[in-house]
Amino acid sequence: RFLFKQTKMGRMHSFGKGISGSTIPYKRTPPSWLKITKSEVIEHIIKLARKGLSPSQIGTILRDSHGIGRVKTVTNNSVLRILKGLGLAPQIPEDIYHLIKKAVVMRKHLEKNRKDKDTKFRLILVESRIHRIARYYKSTRQLPATWKYESSSASTLIA
């Protein structure tokens, strides 16, 4: 008889297998002290999206300034779903956008510092993450099948 130890999925380019982190509240209803309505929250989201903020920035502002811990408990939809429904969602997903932004900064650094071997190695890791996430988003049709990351045109994607 074998006992299998359940292993946690490790980090992509490091040794960590940690499971610490915050947990969302069990209760799926908005707190009783929250007096803001669903339509007011959606108005706030639209206003902040038109300013050019990303979905996570919108969620942070709603949490810190308006006391809305989770938008989903109030509106029954996430910020990104609301934005997609209104046609205000970003063209490329947020996580891949930030990885591309990081890769552009690293390439700019490498132009000035050609001998920086560590940054060159880290750039390879970041770009492999971009390719892996892009493959996932193509399979879930969040990116078009013809979308391709090219380092030469990456700076135009984040502009």
N, C-alpha and C. Protein backbone atom coordinates (compact mmCIF):
# COMPACT_ATOMS: atom_id res chain seq x y z
N ARG A 1 0.84 -1.18 0.00
CA ARG A 1 0.00 0.00 0.00
C ARG A 1 0.89 1.24 0.00
N PHE A 2 0.63 2.14 -0.96
CA PHE A 2 1.45 3.34 -1.08
C PHE A 2 0.66 4.56 -0.61
N LEU A 3 1.35 5.42 0.07
CA LEU A 3 0.76 6.69 0.48
C LEU A 3 1.41 7.78 -0.36
N PHE A 4 0.60 8.50 -1.11
CA PHE A 4 1.14 9.55 -1.95
C PHE A 4 1.01 10.88 -1.23
N LYS A 5 2.11 11.59 -1.21
CA LYS A 5 2.10 12.91 -0.61
C LYS A 5 1.68 13.90 -1.69
N GLN A 6 0.68 14.68 -1.38
CA GLN A 6 0.21 15.66 -2.35
C GLN A 6 1.22 16.79 -2.42
N THR A 7 1.75 17.03 -3.60
CA THR A 7 2.75 18.08 -3.76
C THR A 7 2.10 19.33 -4.32
N LYS A 8 2.63 20.46 -3.94
CA LYS A 8 2.15 21.74 -4.45
C LYS A 8 2.91 22.07 -5.72
N MET A 9 2.25 22.78 -6.60
CA MET A 9 2.92 23.19 -7.83
C MET A 9 3.96 24.26 -7.51
N GLY A 10 5.15 24.10 -8.02
CA GLY A 10 6.23 25.03 -7.73
C GLY A 10 6.16 26.28 -8.59
N ARG A 11 6.98 27.24 -8.27
CA ARG A 11 7.10 28.45 -9.06
C ARG A 11 7.77 28.13 -10.40
N MET A 12 7.53 28.97 -11.38
CA MET A 12 8.03 28.67 -12.71
C MET A 12 9.55 28.77 -12.80
N HIS A 13 10.14 29.85 -12.27
CA HIS A 13 11.59 30.03 -12.41
C HIS A 13 12.27 30.28 -11.08
N SER A 14 11.80 29.62 -10.04
CA SER A 14 12.47 29.71 -8.74
C SER A 14 12.13 28.42 -7.98
N PHE A 15 12.63 28.33 -6.77
CA PHE A 15 12.51 27.09 -6.03
C PHE A 15 11.32 27.05 -5.07
N GLY A 16 10.58 28.13 -4.95
CA GLY A 16 9.52 28.22 -3.95
C GLY A 16 8.35 27.30 -4.21
N LYS A 17 7.81 26.75 -3.14
CA LYS A 17 6.58 25.96 -3.22
C LYS A 17 5.62 26.41 -2.12
N GLY A 18 5.72 27.67 -1.75
CA GLY A 18 4.96 28.18 -0.62
C GLY A 18 3.46 28.22 -0.87
N ILE A 19 2.70 28.07 0.20
CA ILE A 19 1.24 28.11 0.10
C ILE A 19 0.65 29.24 0.94
N SER A 20 1.51 30.09 1.49
CA SER A 20 0.97 31.16 2.32
C SER A 20 0.34 32.23 1.44
N GLY A 21 -0.62 32.93 1.98
CA GLY A 21 -1.31 33.97 1.26
C GLY A 21 -2.65 34.22 1.91
N SER A 22 -3.30 35.29 1.48
CA SER A 22 -4.59 35.62 2.09
C SER A 22 -5.69 34.75 1.50
N THR A 23 -6.73 34.56 2.25
CA THR A 23 -7.87 33.79 1.76
C THR A 23 -9.08 34.71 1.68
N ILE A 24 -9.93 34.45 0.70
CA ILE A 24 -11.11 35.29 0.55
C ILE A 24 -12.15 34.89 1.60
N PRO A 25 -13.00 35.82 2.02
CA PRO A 25 -14.00 35.49 3.03
C PRO A 25 -14.96 34.40 2.56
N TYR A 26 -15.38 33.58 3.49
CA TYR A 26 -16.30 32.48 3.18
C TYR A 26 -17.67 33.04 2.78
N LYS A 27 -18.09 34.09 3.45
CA LYS A 27 -19.38 34.70 3.20
C LYS A 27 -19.37 35.41 1.86
N ARG A 28 -20.34 35.10 1.01
CA ARG A 28 -20.35 35.66 -0.34
C ARG A 28 -21.31 36.83 -0.49
N THR A 29 -21.78 37.36 0.60
CA THR A 29 -22.68 38.52 0.55
C THR A 29 -21.91 39.76 0.98
N PRO A 30 -22.31 40.93 0.50
CA PRO A 30 -21.60 42.15 0.91
C PRO A 30 -21.80 42.41 2.40
N PRO A 31 -20.86 43.08 3.04
CA PRO A 31 -21.01 43.37 4.48
C PRO A 31 -22.24 44.24 4.75
N SER A 32 -22.80 44.11 5.93
CA SER A 32 -24.03 44.84 6.26
C SER A 32 -23.79 46.35 6.34
N TRP A 33 -22.55 46.75 6.65
CA TRP A 33 -22.26 48.19 6.79
C TRP A 33 -22.04 48.87 5.44
N LEU A 34 -21.94 48.10 4.36
CA LEU A 34 -21.70 48.67 3.03
C LEU A 34 -23.02 49.15 2.44
N LYS A 35 -23.16 50.45 2.28
CA LYS A 35 -24.43 51.03 1.84
C LYS A 35 -24.43 51.41 0.36
N ILE A 36 -23.40 51.04 -0.39
CA ILE A 36 -23.31 51.40 -1.81
C ILE A 36 -24.06 50.36 -2.65
N THR A 37 -24.75 50.82 -3.70
CA THR A 37 -25.55 49.91 -4.52
C THR A 37 -24.74 49.39 -5.71
N LYS A 38 -25.31 48.38 -6.35
CA LYS A 38 -24.66 47.75 -7.50
C LYS A 38 -24.43 48.77 -8.63
N SER A 39 -25.43 49.59 -8.91
CA SER A 39 -25.31 50.56 -10.01
C SER A 39 -24.25 51.63 -9.71
N GLU A 40 -24.13 52.02 -8.43
CA GLU A 40 -23.10 53.00 -8.06
C GLU A 40 -21.70 52.42 -8.24
N VAL A 41 -21.53 51.15 -7.90
CA VAL A 41 -20.23 50.49 -8.07
C VAL A 41 -19.87 50.42 -9.55
N ILE A 42 -20.84 50.06 -10.39
CA ILE A 42 -20.59 49.97 -11.83
C ILE A 42 -20.25 51.34 -12.40
N GLU A 43 -20.91 52.40 -11.91
CA GLU A 43 -20.59 53.77 -12.34
C GLU A 43 -19.15 54.12 -12.00
N HIS A 44 -18.72 53.77 -10.76
CA HIS A 44 -17.34 54.01 -10.35
C HIS A 44 -16.36 53.26 -11.27
N ILE A 45 -16.68 52.01 -11.58
CA ILE A 45 -15.81 51.19 -12.42
C ILE A 45 -15.68 51.81 -13.81
N ILE A 46 -16.79 52.25 -14.38
CA ILE A 46 -16.78 52.87 -15.71
C ILE A 46 -15.95 54.14 -15.70
N LYS A 47 -16.15 54.95 -14.66
CA LYS A 47 -15.42 56.23 -14.56
C LYS A 47 -13.91 55.99 -14.47
N LEU A 48 -13.50 55.00 -13.67
CA LEU A 48 -12.08 54.71 -13.50
C LEU A 48 -11.50 54.05 -14.75
N ALA A 49 -12.30 53.24 -15.45
CA ALA A 49 -11.81 52.60 -16.68
C ALA A 49 -11.60 53.63 -17.77
N ARG A 50 -12.45 54.62 -17.83
CA ARG A 50 -12.31 55.68 -18.84
C ARG A 50 -11.09 56.54 -18.58
N LYS A 51 -10.63 56.56 -17.32
CA LYS A 51 -9.38 57.28 -17.00
C LYS A 51 -8.16 56.50 -17.47
N GLY A 52 -8.37 55.23 -17.83
CA GLY A 52 -7.27 54.41 -18.33
C GLY A 52 -6.66 53.47 -17.31
N LEU A 53 -7.37 53.21 -16.22
CA LEU A 53 -6.84 52.32 -15.19
C LEU A 53 -7.13 50.85 -15.53
N SER A 54 -6.23 49.97 -15.08
CA SER A 54 -6.40 48.54 -15.33
C SER A 54 -7.40 47.97 -14.32
N PRO A 55 -7.95 46.77 -14.59
CA PRO A 55 -8.92 46.18 -13.67
C PRO A 55 -8.40 46.02 -12.23
N SER A 56 -7.14 45.64 -12.07
CA SER A 56 -6.62 45.48 -10.70
C SER A 56 -6.46 46.83 -10.00
N GLN A 57 -6.09 47.87 -10.76
CA GLN A 57 -6.00 49.21 -10.17
C GLN A 57 -7.39 49.71 -9.76
N ILE A 58 -8.39 49.40 -10.57
CA ILE A 58 -9.77 49.79 -10.24
C ILE A 58 -10.19 49.10 -8.95
N GLY A 59 -9.91 47.80 -8.84
CA GLY A 59 -10.25 47.06 -7.63
C GLY A 59 -9.56 47.60 -6.39
N THR A 60 -8.30 48.00 -6.54
CA THR A 60 -7.54 48.57 -5.42
C THR A 60 -8.14 49.90 -4.98
N ILE A 61 -8.50 50.75 -5.92
CA ILE A 61 -9.10 52.05 -5.59
C ILE A 61 -10.45 51.86 -4.91
N LEU A 62 -11.26 50.94 -5.44
CA LEU A 62 -12.57 50.68 -4.81
C LEU A 62 -12.40 50.15 -3.39
N ARG A 63 -11.40 49.31 -3.17
CA ARG A 63 -11.15 48.77 -1.83
C ARG A 63 -10.67 49.86 -0.88
N ASP A 64 -9.69 50.65 -1.32
CA ASP A 64 -9.06 51.62 -0.42
C ASP A 64 -9.89 52.88 -0.21
N SER A 65 -10.55 53.37 -1.26
CA SER A 65 -11.26 54.65 -1.16
C SER A 65 -12.74 54.51 -0.85
N HIS A 66 -13.35 53.40 -1.28
CA HIS A 66 -14.80 53.27 -1.13
C HIS A 66 -15.21 52.13 -0.21
N GLY A 67 -14.26 51.37 0.32
CA GLY A 67 -14.58 50.31 1.28
C GLY A 67 -15.22 49.08 0.66
N ILE A 68 -15.03 48.89 -0.64
CA ILE A 68 -15.60 47.71 -1.31
C ILE A 68 -14.49 46.66 -1.38
N GLY A 69 -14.52 45.70 -0.47
CA GLY A 69 -13.46 44.70 -0.40
C GLY A 69 -13.42 43.81 -1.62
N ARG A 70 -14.59 43.35 -2.05
CA ARG A 70 -14.69 42.52 -3.25
C ARG A 70 -15.85 43.02 -4.09
N VAL A 71 -15.55 43.40 -5.32
CA VAL A 71 -16.58 43.92 -6.22
C VAL A 71 -17.60 42.82 -6.52
N LYS A 72 -17.14 41.58 -6.60
CA LYS A 72 -18.01 40.47 -6.97
C LYS A 72 -19.14 40.25 -5.96
N THR A 73 -18.90 40.54 -4.68
CA THR A 73 -19.97 40.36 -3.69
C THR A 73 -21.09 41.36 -3.88
N VAL A 74 -20.76 42.55 -4.38
CA VAL A 74 -21.77 43.59 -4.57
C VAL A 74 -22.46 43.46 -5.93
N THR A 75 -21.67 43.22 -6.99
CA THR A 75 -22.22 43.25 -8.35
C THR A 75 -22.50 41.88 -8.95
N ASN A 76 -22.05 40.81 -8.28
CA ASN A 76 -22.14 39.44 -8.80
C ASN A 76 -21.29 39.22 -10.04
N ASN A 77 -20.40 40.15 -10.35
CA ASN A 77 -19.47 40.04 -11.47
C ASN A 77 -18.13 40.65 -11.08
N SER A 78 -17.07 40.15 -11.67
CA SER A 78 -15.76 40.73 -11.41
C SER A 78 -15.60 42.02 -12.20
N VAL A 79 -14.58 42.79 -11.87
CA VAL A 79 -14.33 44.06 -12.56
C VAL A 79 -14.10 43.80 -14.05
N LEU A 80 -13.30 42.79 -14.36
CA LEU A 80 -12.98 42.50 -15.76
C LEU A 80 -14.23 42.09 -16.55
N ARG A 81 -15.11 41.29 -15.95
CA ARG A 81 -16.35 40.89 -16.64
C ARG A 81 -17.24 42.10 -16.92
N ILE A 82 -17.31 43.01 -15.95
CA ILE A 82 -18.10 44.23 -16.14
C ILE A 82 -17.53 45.04 -17.29
N LEU A 83 -16.19 45.19 -17.30
CA LEU A 83 -15.53 45.96 -18.36
C LEU A 83 -15.71 45.30 -19.73
N LYS A 84 -15.62 43.97 -19.77
CA LYS A 84 -15.83 43.26 -21.05
C LYS A 84 -17.25 43.46 -21.56
N GLY A 85 -18.21 43.43 -20.65
CA GLY A 85 -19.60 43.64 -21.04
C GLY A 85 -19.86 45.01 -21.61
N LEU A 86 -19.08 46.00 -21.15
CA LEU A 86 -19.25 47.37 -21.63
C LEU A 86 -18.27 47.72 -22.75
N GLY A 87 -17.40 46.78 -23.11
CA GLY A 87 -16.42 47.04 -24.18
C GLY A 87 -15.26 47.91 -23.75
N LEU A 88 -14.98 47.95 -22.45
CA LEU A 88 -13.89 48.79 -21.93
C LEU A 88 -12.69 47.97 -21.44
N ALA A 89 -12.71 46.67 -21.69
CA ALA A 89 -11.64 45.80 -21.19
C ALA A 89 -10.35 46.05 -21.98
N PRO A 90 -9.19 45.82 -21.35
CA PRO A 90 -7.93 45.99 -22.08
C PRO A 90 -7.81 44.96 -23.21
N GLN A 91 -7.06 45.33 -24.25
CA GLN A 91 -6.94 44.47 -25.42
C GLN A 91 -6.18 43.18 -25.11
N ILE A 92 -5.07 43.31 -24.35
CA ILE A 92 -4.34 42.11 -23.96
C ILE A 92 -4.48 41.94 -22.45
N PRO A 93 -4.50 40.70 -21.95
CA PRO A 93 -4.65 40.47 -20.52
C PRO A 93 -3.56 41.16 -19.70
N GLU A 94 -3.94 41.51 -18.48
CA GLU A 94 -3.09 42.33 -17.63
C GLU A 94 -1.75 41.68 -17.28
N ASP A 95 -1.75 40.37 -16.98
CA ASP A 95 -0.51 39.73 -16.56
C ASP A 95 0.51 39.68 -17.69
N ILE A 96 0.06 39.41 -18.91
CA ILE A 96 0.99 39.37 -20.04
C ILE A 96 1.46 40.78 -20.39
N TYR A 97 0.59 41.78 -20.18
CA TYR A 97 0.96 43.18 -20.42
C TYR A 97 2.12 43.57 -19.53
N HIS A 98 2.05 43.21 -18.24
CA HIS A 98 3.11 43.58 -17.30
C HIS A 98 4.40 42.82 -17.58
N LEU A 99 4.30 41.58 -18.03
CA LEU A 99 5.51 40.84 -18.41
C LEU A 99 6.18 41.47 -19.63
N ILE A 100 5.38 41.90 -20.61
CA ILE A 100 5.93 42.56 -21.80
C ILE A 100 6.60 43.87 -21.40
N LYS A 101 5.96 44.60 -20.49
CA LYS A 101 6.52 45.86 -20.01
C LYS A 101 7.88 45.63 -19.34
N LYS A 102 7.96 44.57 -18.53
CA LYS A 102 9.21 44.22 -17.86
C LYS A 102 10.29 43.85 -18.88
N ALA A 103 9.92 43.09 -19.91
CA ALA A 103 10.87 42.68 -20.94
C ALA A 103 11.39 43.88 -21.72
N VAL A 104 10.53 44.86 -22.00
CA VAL A 104 10.94 46.07 -22.72
C VAL A 104 11.96 46.85 -21.90
N VAL A 105 11.70 46.98 -20.59
CA VAL A 105 12.64 47.70 -19.71
C VAL A 105 13.98 46.96 -19.65
N MET A 106 13.93 45.63 -19.59
CA MET A 106 15.17 44.85 -19.54
C MET A 106 15.97 44.99 -20.83
N ARG A 107 15.29 44.99 -21.98
CA ARG A 107 15.98 45.18 -23.26
C ARG A 107 16.62 46.54 -23.35
N LYS A 108 15.91 47.55 -22.87
CA LYS A 108 16.46 48.92 -22.86
C LYS A 108 17.71 48.98 -21.99
N HIS A 109 17.67 48.31 -20.86
CA HIS A 109 18.83 48.25 -19.96
C HIS A 109 19.99 47.53 -20.63
N LEU A 110 19.69 46.44 -21.36
CA LEU A 110 20.75 45.67 -22.02
C LEU A 110 21.40 46.43 -23.18
N GLU A 111 20.67 47.37 -23.79
CA GLU A 111 21.28 48.19 -24.84
C GLU A 111 22.41 49.04 -24.28
N LYS A 112 22.22 49.55 -23.05
CA LYS A 112 23.24 50.37 -22.41
C LYS A 112 24.32 49.53 -21.75
N ASN A 113 23.91 48.38 -21.17
CA ASN A 113 24.83 47.54 -20.41
C ASN A 113 24.93 46.16 -21.06
N ARG A 114 25.69 46.06 -22.12
CA ARG A 114 25.76 44.83 -22.91
C ARG A 114 26.36 43.66 -22.15
N LYS A 115 27.17 43.94 -21.14
CA LYS A 115 27.86 42.85 -20.44
C LYS A 115 27.08 42.32 -19.24
N ASP A 116 25.89 42.85 -19.02
CA ASP A 116 25.10 42.41 -17.87
C ASP A 116 24.50 41.03 -18.14
N LYS A 117 25.22 40.00 -17.73
CA LYS A 117 24.81 38.62 -18.03
C LYS A 117 23.57 38.22 -17.25
N ASP A 118 23.43 38.71 -16.02
CA ASP A 118 22.28 38.33 -15.20
C ASP A 118 20.98 38.83 -15.81
N THR A 119 20.99 40.09 -16.26
CA THR A 119 19.78 40.63 -16.87
C THR A 119 19.45 39.88 -18.16
N LYS A 120 20.48 39.50 -18.90
CA LYS A 120 20.26 38.73 -20.13
C LYS A 120 19.57 37.40 -19.81
N PHE A 121 20.03 36.75 -18.75
CA PHE A 121 19.44 35.48 -18.33
C PHE A 121 18.01 35.69 -17.85
N ARG A 122 17.78 36.72 -17.03
CA ARG A 122 16.42 37.01 -16.53
C ARG A 122 15.46 37.37 -17.66
N LEU A 123 15.98 38.06 -18.69
CA LEU A 123 15.17 38.40 -19.86
C LEU A 123 14.70 37.14 -20.57
N ILE A 124 15.57 36.14 -20.66
CA ILE A 124 15.19 34.87 -21.27
C ILE A 124 14.05 34.23 -20.48
N LEU A 125 14.14 34.28 -19.14
CA LEU A 125 13.09 33.70 -18.30
C LEU A 125 11.76 34.45 -18.47
N VAL A 126 11.84 35.78 -18.50
CA VAL A 126 10.62 36.58 -18.64
C VAL A 126 9.97 36.31 -20.00
N GLU A 127 10.78 36.24 -21.04
CA GLU A 127 10.22 36.02 -22.37
C GLU A 127 9.66 34.61 -22.51
N SER A 128 10.25 33.63 -21.82
CA SER A 128 9.67 32.29 -21.87
C SER A 128 8.33 32.26 -21.14
N ARG A 129 8.21 33.06 -20.07
CA ARG A 129 6.92 33.19 -19.39
C ARG A 129 5.88 33.83 -20.30
N ILE A 130 6.30 34.84 -21.06
CA ILE A 130 5.39 35.51 -21.99
C ILE A 130 4.87 34.51 -23.02
N HIS A 131 5.78 33.70 -23.58
CA HIS A 131 5.38 32.72 -24.60
C HIS A 131 4.43 31.68 -24.01
N ARG A 132 4.70 31.24 -22.78
CA ARG A 132 3.85 30.23 -22.15
C ARG A 132 2.46 30.78 -21.88
N ILE A 133 2.38 31.99 -21.34
CA ILE A 133 1.08 32.59 -21.04
C ILE A 133 0.32 32.90 -22.33
N ALA A 134 1.06 33.33 -23.37
CA ALA A 134 0.42 33.60 -24.66
C ALA A 134 -0.19 32.33 -25.24
N ARG A 135 0.49 31.20 -25.08
CA ARG A 135 -0.04 29.93 -25.56
C ARG A 135 -1.35 29.59 -24.83
N TYR A 136 -1.38 29.85 -23.53
CA TYR A 136 -2.60 29.60 -22.75
C TYR A 136 -3.73 30.51 -23.22
N TYR A 137 -3.44 31.81 -23.38
CA TYR A 137 -4.49 32.75 -23.77
C TYR A 137 -4.99 32.50 -25.19
N LYS A 138 -4.15 31.98 -26.06
CA LYS A 138 -4.61 31.61 -27.40
C LYS A 138 -5.56 30.41 -27.33
N SER A 139 -5.23 29.45 -26.46
CA SER A 139 -6.10 28.27 -26.34
C SER A 139 -7.44 28.61 -25.72
N THR A 140 -7.49 29.62 -24.84
CA THR A 140 -8.76 30.04 -24.24
C THR A 140 -9.43 31.17 -25.02
N ARG A 141 -8.85 31.52 -26.15
CA ARG A 141 -9.35 32.55 -27.07
C ARG A 141 -9.46 33.94 -26.45
N GLN A 142 -8.56 34.23 -25.51
CA GLN A 142 -8.50 35.59 -24.97
C GLN A 142 -7.54 36.44 -25.79
N LEU A 143 -6.68 35.77 -26.56
CA LEU A 143 -5.82 36.43 -27.54
C LEU A 143 -6.13 35.81 -28.90
N PRO A 144 -6.02 36.58 -29.99
CA PRO A 144 -6.26 35.99 -31.31
C PRO A 144 -5.20 34.94 -31.64
N ALA A 145 -5.56 33.95 -32.44
CA ALA A 145 -4.65 32.86 -32.78
C ALA A 145 -3.41 33.35 -33.53
N THR A 146 -3.51 34.50 -34.16
CA THR A 146 -2.38 35.03 -34.94
C THR A 146 -1.45 35.91 -34.10
N TRP A 147 -1.84 36.17 -32.84
CA TRP A 147 -1.03 37.05 -31.97
C TRP A 147 0.31 36.41 -31.69
N LYS A 148 1.37 37.21 -31.79
CA LYS A 148 2.71 36.68 -31.53
C LYS A 148 3.53 37.75 -30.84
N TYR A 149 4.28 37.33 -29.82
CA TYR A 149 5.16 38.28 -29.13
C TYR A 149 6.44 38.40 -29.92
N GLU A 150 6.78 39.63 -30.28
CA GLU A 150 8.05 39.92 -30.93
C GLU A 150 8.72 41.02 -30.16
N SER A 151 9.97 40.78 -29.78
CA SER A 151 10.67 41.75 -28.93
C SER A 151 10.88 43.08 -29.65
N SER A 152 10.97 43.05 -30.98
CA SER A 152 11.22 44.29 -31.72
C SER A 152 10.00 45.22 -31.68
N SER A 153 8.79 44.63 -31.69
CA SER A 153 7.58 45.46 -31.70
C SER A 153 6.88 45.50 -30.33
N ALA A 154 7.56 44.99 -29.30
CA ALA A 154 6.92 44.92 -27.98
C ALA A 154 6.65 46.29 -27.38
N SER A 155 7.52 47.26 -27.66
CA SER A 155 7.34 48.59 -27.06
C SER A 155 6.08 49.27 -27.57
N THR A 156 5.63 48.92 -28.79
CA THR A 156 4.39 49.51 -29.30
C THR A 156 3.17 48.89 -28.62
N LEU A 157 3.28 47.64 -28.13
CA LEU A 157 2.15 47.00 -27.43
C LEU A 157 1.84 47.67 -26.10
N ILE A 158 2.87 48.17 -25.42
CA ILE A 158 2.65 48.74 -24.10
C ILE A 158 2.50 50.26 -24.11
N ALA A 159 2.61 50.86 -25.29
CA ALA A 159 2.51 52.32 -25.36
C ALA A 159 1.09 52.79 -25.16
